[in-house]
Amino acid sequence: MAKTLELEFVTELGKAARLSVENPKEPIEEAVVKQAMEEIIASGVFTSANGNFTSVKGARVIDRNVTEYEII
C-alpha cells in the first residue's frame, strides 16, 4: 500500500497548486501539516506557473493499493 500526502495551496492568481509527499510519517496530525504548509508559504521556496503560494487550501492522504499478477 502506497500513501501520499497531498498539500494544496492557493497561488497569487487564485489558482490551486499541489505538492505531494510520498510515504508521509504517521500519524499525520492536522495541526503539524498546517504549520508546515504555512512555513512553506513564508519561505517562498516553491512557486508555480500561477505565482507564489499565498495561502493554505487543504491537505489529504491518498491510499493506493496495487496488486500485481504474474500472468504466464
C-alpha atoms as a PDB file:
ATOM      1  CA  MET A   1       0.000   0.000   0.000  1.00  0.00           C
ATOM      2  CA  ALA A   2       1.401   3.363  -1.023  1.00  0.00           C
ATOM      3  CA  LYS A   3       0.404   6.568   0.751  1.00  0.00           C
ATOM      4  CA  THR A   4       0.843  10.105  -0.479  1.00  0.00           C
ATOM      5  CA  LEU A   5       0.219  13.300   1.462  1.00  0.00           C
ATOM      6  CA  GLU A   6      -1.049  15.939  -0.960  1.00  0.00           C
ATOM      7  CA  LEU A   7      -0.719  19.576   0.134  1.00  0.00           C
ATOM      8  CA  GLU A   8      -2.893  22.096  -1.712  1.00  0.00           C
ATOM      9  CA  PHE A   9      -2.141  25.812  -1.777  1.00  0.00           C
ATOM     10  CA  VAL A  10      -3.709  28.919  -3.328  1.00  0.00           C
ATOM     11  CA  THR A  11      -1.402  30.944  -5.580  1.00  0.00           C
ATOM     12  CA  GLU A  12      -1.148  34.680  -6.260  1.00  0.00           C
ATOM     13  CA  LEU A  13      -3.523  34.266  -9.211  1.00  0.00           C
ATOM     14  CA  GLY A  14      -6.108  32.430  -7.103  1.00  0.00           C
ATOM     15  CA  LYS A  15      -5.328  29.051  -8.668  1.00  0.00           C
ATOM     16  CA  ALA A  16      -4.614  25.784  -6.874  1.00  0.00           C
ATOM     17  CA  ALA A  17      -1.109  24.310  -6.664  1.00  0.00           C
ATOM     18  CA  ARG A  18      -0.199  20.976  -5.101  1.00  0.00           C
ATOM     19  CA  LEU A  19       2.859  19.380  -3.523  1.00  0.00           C
ATOM     20  CA  SER A  20       2.978  15.635  -2.906  1.00  0.00           C
ATOM     21  CA  VAL A  21       4.924  13.836  -0.189  1.00  0.00           C
ATOM     22  CA  GLU A  22       5.444  10.106  -0.713  1.00  0.00           C
ATOM     23  CA  ASN A  23       5.188   7.816   2.339  1.00  0.00           C
ATOM     24  CA  PRO A  24       4.481  10.535   4.941  1.00  0.00           C
ATOM     25  CA  LYS A  25       5.415   9.948   8.575  1.00  0.00           C
ATOM     26  CA  GLU A  26       2.448   8.673  10.542  1.00  0.00           C
ATOM     27  CA  PRO A  27       0.393   9.504  12.452  1.00  0.00           C
ATOM     28  CA  ILE A  28      -0.424  12.588  10.420  1.00  0.00           C
ATOM     29  CA  GLU A  29      -1.526  15.458  12.642  1.00  0.00           C
ATOM     30  CA  GLU A  30      -3.594  18.217  11.053  1.00  0.00           C
ATOM     31  CA  ALA A  31      -2.023  20.982  13.153  1.00  0.00           C
ATOM     32  CA  VAL A  32       1.504  19.885  12.183  1.00  0.00           C
ATOM     33  CA  VAL A  33       0.579  19.701   8.494  1.00  0.00           C
ATOM     34  CA  LYS A  34      -0.982  23.180   8.595  1.00  0.00           C
ATOM     35  CA  GLN A  35       2.053  24.632  10.370  1.00  0.00           C
ATOM     36  CA  ALA A  36       4.403  23.042   7.813  1.00  0.00           C
ATOM     37  CA  MET A  37       2.304  24.432   4.952  1.00  0.00           C
ATOM     38  CA  GLU A  38       2.396  27.920   6.463  1.00  0.00           C
ATOM     39  CA  GLU A  39       6.188  27.646   6.772  1.00  0.00           C
ATOM     40  CA  ILE A  40       6.412  26.606   3.112  1.00  0.00           C
ATOM     41  CA  ILE A  41       4.408  29.705   2.145  1.00  0.00           C
ATOM     42  CA  ALA A  42       6.525  32.001   4.347  1.00  0.00           C
ATOM     43  CA  SER A  43       9.793  30.628   2.962  1.00  0.00           C
ATOM     44  CA  GLY A  44       8.853  31.397  -0.649  1.00  0.00           C
ATOM     45  CA  VAL A  45      10.879  28.379  -1.775  1.00  0.00           C
ATOM     46  CA  PHE A  46       8.166  26.942  -4.017  1.00  0.00           C
ATOM     47  CA  THR A  47       6.397  28.720  -6.836  1.00  0.00           C
ATOM     48  CA  SER A  48       4.190  27.688  -9.732  1.00  0.00           C
ATOM     49  CA  ALA A  49       3.251  28.956 -13.164  1.00  0.00           C
ATOM     50  CA  ASN A  50       0.441  30.837 -11.389  1.00  0.00           C
ATOM     51  CA  GLY A  51       2.738  32.631  -8.946  1.00  0.00           C
ATOM     52  CA  ASN A  52       3.891  32.142  -5.384  1.00  0.00           C
ATOM     53  CA  PHE A  53       1.884  30.228  -2.809  1.00  0.00           C
ATOM     54  CA  THR A  54      -0.223  32.643  -0.753  1.00  0.00           C
ATOM     55  CA  SER A  55      -2.474  30.519   1.480  1.00  0.00           C
ATOM     56  CA  VAL A  56      -3.349  27.014   2.608  1.00  0.00           C
ATOM     57  CA  LYS A  57      -6.266  25.428   0.765  1.00  0.00           C
ATOM     58  CA  GLY A  58      -6.216  21.893   2.155  1.00  0.00           C
ATOM     59  CA  ALA A  59      -4.445  18.575   2.536  1.00  0.00           C
ATOM     60  CA  ARG A  60      -5.348  14.952   2.041  1.00  0.00           C
ATOM     61  CA  VAL A  61      -3.853  11.482   2.250  1.00  0.00           C
ATOM     62  CA  ILE A  62      -4.218   9.252  -0.760  1.00  0.00           C
ATOM     63  CA  ASP A  63      -4.020   5.468  -0.176  1.00  0.00           C
ATOM     64  CA  ARG A  64      -3.244   3.335  -3.169  1.00  0.00           C
ATOM     65  CA  ASN A  65      -3.286  -0.449  -3.216  1.00  0.00           C
ATOM     66  CA  VAL A  66      -1.610  -2.238  -6.078  1.00  0.00           C
ATOM     67  CA  THR A  67      -1.980  -5.959  -6.660  1.00  0.00           C
ATOM     68  CA  GLU A  68       0.308  -7.446  -9.272  1.00  0.00           C
ATOM     69  CA  TYR A  69      -0.471 -10.708 -11.001  1.00  0.00           C
ATOM     70  CA  GLU A  70       2.118 -12.789 -12.760  1.00  0.00           C
ATOM     71  CA  ILE A  71       0.446 -13.993 -15.905  1.00  0.00           C
ATOM     72  CA  ILE A  72       2.283 -16.642 -17.836  1.00  0.00           C
END
